[in-house]
């Protein structure tokens, strides 16, 4: 049987995943220098499935296409089994585009946090043998925790924006 502490714990776990996902997505966004994580969000369609890190040299064209079609703004070129990914210089316009991508990715994290809160509220409604006051207090706690997590994502956004805009 579910309890208020269990509902809160499950919600925090789901919210932690949302923040972790946002952090991971942010590492794929280039600030000033190239990192291996830049291509982590690129998925290649091959063999009827979407793969994160394909190693098949015969699939260079598919990998090149996936990198080009990602929202990273990269223009790769395959030379046999080798794929070269020249990095465009970071001009003001490119930096602003990347900030927009950061906000889009962060919104996905915020949606995950909101979804966790909604799920927890539904759990509270289903509880039996719990006073209305306890449920009201728990709902206030859920909202406070939700606000904390949204604030954490906003802090991640500010930090990543600063990193991107730093010349």
C-alpha atoms as a PDB file:
ATOM      1  CA  UNK A   1       0.000   0.000   0.000  1.00  0.00           C
ATOM      2  CA  UNK A   2       1.239   3.490  -0.883  1.00  0.00           C
ATOM      3  CA  UNK A   3       2.013   6.053   1.801  1.00  0.00           C
ATOM      4  CA  UNK A   4       2.632   9.800   1.584  1.00  0.00           C
ATOM      5  CA  UNK A   5       6.406   9.384   2.205  1.00  0.00           C
ATOM      6  CA  UNK A   6       6.573   6.715  -0.526  1.00  0.00           C
ATOM      7  CA  UNK A   7       4.712   8.974  -2.998  1.00  0.00           C
ATOM      8  CA  UNK A   8       7.101  11.858  -2.201  1.00  0.00           C
ATOM      9  CA  UNK A   9      10.133   9.562  -2.555  1.00  0.00           C
ATOM     10  CA  UNK A  10       8.926   8.247  -5.933  1.00  0.00           C
ATOM     11  CA  UNK A  11       8.247  11.796  -7.121  1.00  0.00           C
ATOM     12  CA  UNK A  12      11.740  12.955  -6.113  1.00  0.00           C
ATOM     13  CA  UNK A  13      13.225   9.971  -7.945  1.00  0.00           C
ATOM     14  CA  UNK A  14      11.330  10.861 -11.127  1.00  0.00           C
ATOM     15  CA  UNK A  15      12.314  14.528 -10.789  1.00  0.00           C
ATOM     16  CA  UNK A  16      15.968  13.563 -10.262  1.00  0.00           C
ATOM     17  CA  UNK A  17      15.795  11.637 -13.546  1.00  0.00           C
ATOM     18  CA  UNK A  18      14.374  14.732 -15.279  1.00  0.00           C
ATOM     19  CA  UNK A  19      17.245  16.885 -14.005  1.00  0.00           C
ATOM     20  CA  UNK A  20      19.843  14.240 -14.849  1.00  0.00           C
ATOM     21  CA  UNK A  21      18.433  13.986 -18.373  1.00  0.00           C
ATOM     22  CA  UNK A  22      18.621  17.780 -18.759  1.00  0.00           C
ATOM     23  CA  UNK A  23      22.243  17.764 -17.530  1.00  0.00           C
ATOM     24  CA  UNK A  24      23.117  15.005 -19.998  1.00  0.00           C
ATOM     25  CA  UNK A  25      21.431  16.868 -22.877  1.00  0.00           C
ATOM     26  CA  UNK A  26      23.319  20.050 -21.950  1.00  0.00           C
ATOM     27  CA  UNK A  27      26.683  18.270 -22.199  1.00  0.00           C
ATOM     28  CA  UNK A  28      25.928  17.621 -25.874  1.00  0.00           C
ATOM     29  CA  UNK A  29      25.626  21.352 -26.547  1.00  0.00           C
ATOM     30  CA  UNK A  30      28.866  22.869 -27.622  1.00  0.00           C
ATOM     31  CA  UNK A  31      29.963  25.907 -25.728  1.00  0.00           C
ATOM     32  CA  UNK A  32      33.393  26.869 -26.959  1.00  0.00           C
ATOM     33  CA  UNK A  33      35.318  23.677 -27.559  1.00  0.00           C
ATOM     34  CA  UNK A  34      34.717  20.234 -28.978  1.00  0.00           C
ATOM     35  CA  UNK A  35      33.862  17.414 -26.574  1.00  0.00           C
ATOM     36  CA  UNK A  36      33.108  13.734 -27.260  1.00  0.00           C
ATOM     37  CA  UNK A  37      29.705  14.244 -25.577  1.00  0.00           C
ATOM     38  CA  UNK A  38      28.632  16.628 -28.347  1.00  0.00           C
ATOM     39  CA  UNK A  39      27.266  13.728 -30.397  1.00  0.00           C
ATOM     40  CA  UNK A  40      25.593  11.867 -27.496  1.00  0.00           C
ATOM     41  CA  UNK A  41      22.104  13.024 -28.499  1.00  0.00           C
ATOM     42  CA  UNK A  42      22.524  11.942 -32.137  1.00  0.00           C
ATOM     43  CA  UNK A  43      20.692   8.700 -32.937  1.00  0.00           C
ATOM     44  CA  UNK A  44      21.311   6.811 -36.177  1.00  0.00           C
ATOM     45  CA  UNK A  45      18.573   4.783 -37.846  1.00  0.00           C
ATOM     46  CA  UNK A  46      20.124   1.502 -38.942  1.00  0.00           C
ATOM     47  CA  UNK A  47      19.029  -2.115 -39.069  1.00  0.00           C
ATOM     48  CA  UNK A  48      15.458  -0.973 -38.344  1.00  0.00           C
ATOM     49  CA  UNK A  49      16.342   0.584 -34.989  1.00  0.00           C
ATOM     50  CA  UNK A  50      17.623   3.879 -33.589  1.00  0.00           C
ATOM     51  CA  UNK A  51      21.167   3.549 -32.242  1.00  0.00           C
ATOM     52  CA  UNK A  52      23.107   5.984 -30.059  1.00  0.00           C
ATOM     53  CA  UNK A  53      26.689   4.864 -30.782  1.00  0.00           C
ATOM     54  CA  UNK A  54      26.966   2.854 -33.971  1.00  0.00           C
ATOM     55  CA  UNK A  55      30.362   1.334 -34.806  1.00  0.00           C
ATOM     56  CA  UNK A  56      29.660  -0.191 -38.226  1.00  0.00           C
ATOM     57  CA  UNK A  57      32.011   1.494 -40.754  1.00  0.00           C
ATOM     58  CA  UNK A  58      29.744   0.425 -43.613  1.00  0.00           C
ATOM     59  CA  UNK A  59      27.066   2.733 -42.157  1.00  0.00           C
ATOM     60  CA  UNK A  60      29.130   5.940 -42.492  1.00  0.00           C
ATOM     61  CA  UNK A  61      26.546   7.548 -44.795  1.00  0.00           C
ATOM     62  CA  UNK A  62      23.697   6.900 -42.320  1.00  0.00           C
ATOM     63  CA  UNK A  63      25.828   8.257 -39.452  1.00  0.00           C
ATOM     64  CA  UNK A  64      26.778  11.334 -41.486  1.00  0.00           C
ATOM     65  CA  UNK A  65      23.096  11.948 -42.311  1.00  0.00           C
ATOM     66  CA  UNK A  66      22.044  11.614 -38.635  1.00  0.00           C
ATOM     67  CA  UNK A  67      24.694  14.144 -37.528  1.00  0.00           C
ATOM     68  CA  UNK A  68      23.656  16.591 -40.278  1.00  0.00           C
ATOM     69  CA  UNK A  69      19.934  16.288 -39.403  1.00  0.00           C
ATOM     70  CA  UNK A  70      20.476  16.713 -35.644  1.00  0.00           C
ATOM     71  CA  UNK A  71      19.788  20.157 -34.190  1.00  0.00           C
ATOM     72  CA  UNK A  72      23.505  20.619 -33.449  1.00  0.00           C
ATOM     73  CA  UNK A  73      24.090  22.669 -36.618  1.00  0.00           C
ATOM     74  CA  UNK A  74      27.007  20.508 -37.798  1.00  0.00           C
ATOM     75  CA  UNK A  75      27.947  19.732 -41.400  1.00  0.00           C
ATOM     76  CA  UNK A  76      29.825  16.397 -41.424  1.00  0.00           C
ATOM     77  CA  UNK A  77      31.516  14.870 -44.455  1.00  0.00           C
ATOM     78  CA  UNK A  78      32.243  11.178 -44.852  1.00  0.00           C
ATOM     79  CA  UNK A  79      35.563  10.249 -46.414  1.00  0.00           C
ATOM     80  CA  UNK A  80      35.340   6.497 -46.724  1.00  0.00           C
ATOM     81  CA  UNK A  81      34.868   5.051 -43.228  1.00  0.00           C
ATOM     82  CA  UNK A  82      35.997   8.326 -41.580  1.00  0.00           C
ATOM     83  CA  UNK A  83      33.501  11.076 -40.813  1.00  0.00           C
ATOM     84  CA  UNK A  84      34.950  14.541 -40.374  1.00  0.00           C
ATOM     85  CA  UNK A  85      32.834  16.994 -38.411  1.00  0.00           C
ATOM     86  CA  UNK A  86      34.246  20.504 -38.810  1.00  0.00           C
ATOM     87  CA  UNK A  87      32.980  22.738 -36.044  1.00  0.00           C
ATOM     88  CA  UNK A  88      31.586  26.083 -37.182  1.00  0.00           C
ATOM     89  CA  UNK A  89      33.068  29.126 -35.495  1.00  0.00           C
ATOM     90  CA  UNK A  90      30.978  30.367 -32.642  1.00  0.00           C
ATOM     91  CA  UNK A  91      29.618  33.679 -33.849  1.00  0.00           C
ATOM     92  CA  UNK A  92      26.988  35.676 -31.974  1.00  0.00           C
ATOM     93  CA  UNK A  93      24.123  34.245 -34.050  1.00  0.00           C
ATOM     94  CA  UNK A  94      25.275  30.646 -33.478  1.00  0.00           C
ATOM     95  CA  UNK A  95      25.550  31.281 -29.740  1.00  0.00           C
ATOM     96  CA  UNK A  96      21.980  32.645 -29.653  1.00  0.00           C
ATOM     97  CA  UNK A  97      20.730  29.598 -31.595  1.00  0.00           C
ATOM     98  CA  UNK A  98      22.408  27.311 -29.065  1.00  0.00           C
ATOM     99  CA  UNK A  99      20.794  29.227 -26.184  1.00  0.00           C
ATOM    100  CA  UNK A 100      17.398  28.527 -27.829  1.00  0.00           C
ATOM    101  CA  UNK A 101      18.288  24.812 -28.013  1.00  0.00           C
ATOM    102  CA  UNK A 102      19.227  24.931 -24.308  1.00  0.00           C
ATOM    103  CA  UNK A 103      15.818  26.397 -23.446  1.00  0.00           C
ATOM    104  CA  UNK A 104      14.040  23.744 -25.549  1.00  0.00           C
ATOM    105  CA  UNK A 105      15.950  20.918 -23.829  1.00  0.00           C
ATOM    106  CA  UNK A 106      15.373  22.480 -20.408  1.00  0.00           C
ATOM    107  CA  UNK A 107      11.638  22.648 -21.114  1.00  0.00           C
ATOM    108  CA  UNK A 108      11.678  18.862 -21.577  1.00  0.00           C
ATOM    109  CA  UNK A 109      13.244  18.558 -18.112  1.00  0.00           C
ATOM    110  CA  UNK A 110      10.605  20.875 -16.645  1.00  0.00           C
ATOM    111  CA  UNK A 111       7.857  18.803 -18.277  1.00  0.00           C
ATOM    112  CA  UNK A 112       9.311  15.685 -16.613  1.00  0.00           C
ATOM    113  CA  UNK A 113       9.262  17.484 -13.238  1.00  0.00           C
ATOM    114  CA  UNK A 114       5.652  18.641 -13.737  1.00  0.00           C
ATOM    115  CA  UNK A 115       4.634  15.162 -14.845  1.00  0.00           C
ATOM    116  CA  UNK A 116       6.164  13.665 -11.677  1.00  0.00           C
ATOM    117  CA  UNK A 117       4.191  16.142  -9.552  1.00  0.00           C
ATOM    118  CA  UNK A 118       0.943  15.313 -11.395  1.00  0.00           C
ATOM    119  CA  UNK A 119       1.577  11.593 -10.945  1.00  0.00           C
ATOM    120  CA  UNK A 120       2.245  12.113  -7.223  1.00  0.00           C
ATOM    121  CA  UNK A 121      -0.957  14.163  -6.823  1.00  0.00           C
ATOM    122  CA  UNK A 122      -2.928  11.354  -8.450  1.00  0.00           C
ATOM    123  CA  UNK A 123      -1.313   8.971  -5.979  1.00  0.00           C
ATOM    124  CA  UNK A 124      -2.398  11.174  -3.057  1.00  0.00           C
ATOM    125  CA  UNK A 125      -6.006  11.169  -4.298  1.00  0.00           C
ATOM    126  CA  UNK A 126      -6.030   7.370  -4.281  1.00  0.00           C
ATOM    127  CA  UNK A 127      -4.780   7.058  -0.685  1.00  0.00           C
ATOM    128  CA  UNK A 128      -7.201   5.545   1.794  1.00  0.00           C
ATOM    129  CA  UNK A 129      -7.278   6.016   5.530  1.00  0.00           C
ATOM    130  CA  UNK A 130      -5.433   9.345   5.338  1.00  0.00           C
ATOM    131  CA  UNK A 131      -6.934  12.576   6.692  1.00  0.00           C
ATOM    132  CA  UNK A 132      -7.793  15.455   4.364  1.00  0.00           C
ATOM    133  CA  UNK A 133      -5.380  17.655   6.321  1.00  0.00           C
ATOM    134  CA  UNK A 134      -2.525  15.204   5.741  1.00  0.00           C
ATOM    135  CA  UNK A 135      -3.310  15.160   2.014  1.00  0.00           C
ATOM    136  CA  UNK A 136      -3.428  19.000   1.916  1.00  0.00           C
ATOM    137  CA  UNK A 137      -0.056  19.215   3.705  1.00  0.00           C
ATOM    138  CA  UNK A 138       1.380  16.620   1.337  1.00  0.00           C
ATOM    139  CA  UNK A 139       0.124  18.560  -1.692  1.00  0.00           C
ATOM    140  CA  UNK A 140       1.873  21.684  -0.360  1.00  0.00           C
ATOM    141  CA  UNK A 141       5.069  19.626   0.057  1.00  0.00           C
ATOM    142  CA  UNK A 142       4.767  18.309  -3.501  1.00  0.00           C
ATOM    143  CA  UNK A 143       4.410  21.859  -4.810  1.00  0.00           C
ATOM    144  CA  UNK A 144       7.395  23.092  -2.768  1.00  0.00           C
ATOM    145  CA  UNK A 145       9.568  20.209  -4.012  1.00  0.00           C
ATOM    146  CA  UNK A 146       8.351  20.827  -7.586  1.00  0.00           C
ATOM    147  CA  UNK A 147       9.331  24.513  -7.308  1.00  0.00           C
ATOM    148  CA  UNK A 148      12.788  23.540  -5.984  1.00  0.00           C
ATOM    149  CA  UNK A 149      13.385  21.249  -8.958  1.00  0.00           C
ATOM    150  CA  UNK A 150      12.181  23.842 -11.476  1.00  0.00           C
ATOM    151  CA  UNK A 151      14.589  26.297  -9.810  1.00  0.00           C
ATOM    152  CA  UNK A 152      17.441  23.756 -10.180  1.00  0.00           C
ATOM    153  CA  UNK A 153      16.719  23.495 -13.911  1.00  0.00           C
ATOM    154  CA  UNK A 154      16.650  27.309 -14.183  1.00  0.00           C
ATOM    155  CA  UNK A 155      20.088  27.362 -12.517  1.00  0.00           C
ATOM    156  CA  UNK A 156      21.359  24.801 -15.059  1.00  0.00           C
ATOM    157  CA  UNK A 157      20.013  27.021 -17.871  1.00  0.00           C
ATOM    158  CA  UNK A 158      21.776  30.124 -16.493  1.00  0.00           C
ATOM    159  CA  UNK A 159      25.074  28.268 -16.146  1.00  0.00           C
ATOM    160  CA  UNK A 160      24.909  26.768 -19.652  1.00  0.00           C
ATOM    161  CA  UNK A 161      23.882  30.121 -21.174  1.00  0.00           C
ATOM    162  CA  UNK A 162      26.854  31.818 -19.519  1.00  0.00           C
ATOM    163  CA  UNK A 163      29.159  29.069 -20.821  1.00  0.00           C
ATOM    164  CA  UNK A 164      27.804  29.442 -24.379  1.00  0.00           C
ATOM    165  CA  UNK A 165      27.889  33.254 -24.450  1.00  0.00           C
ATOM    166  CA  UNK A 166      31.425  33.402 -23.013  1.00  0.00           C
ATOM    167  CA  UNK A 167      33.715  34.444 -25.866  1.00  0.00           C
END
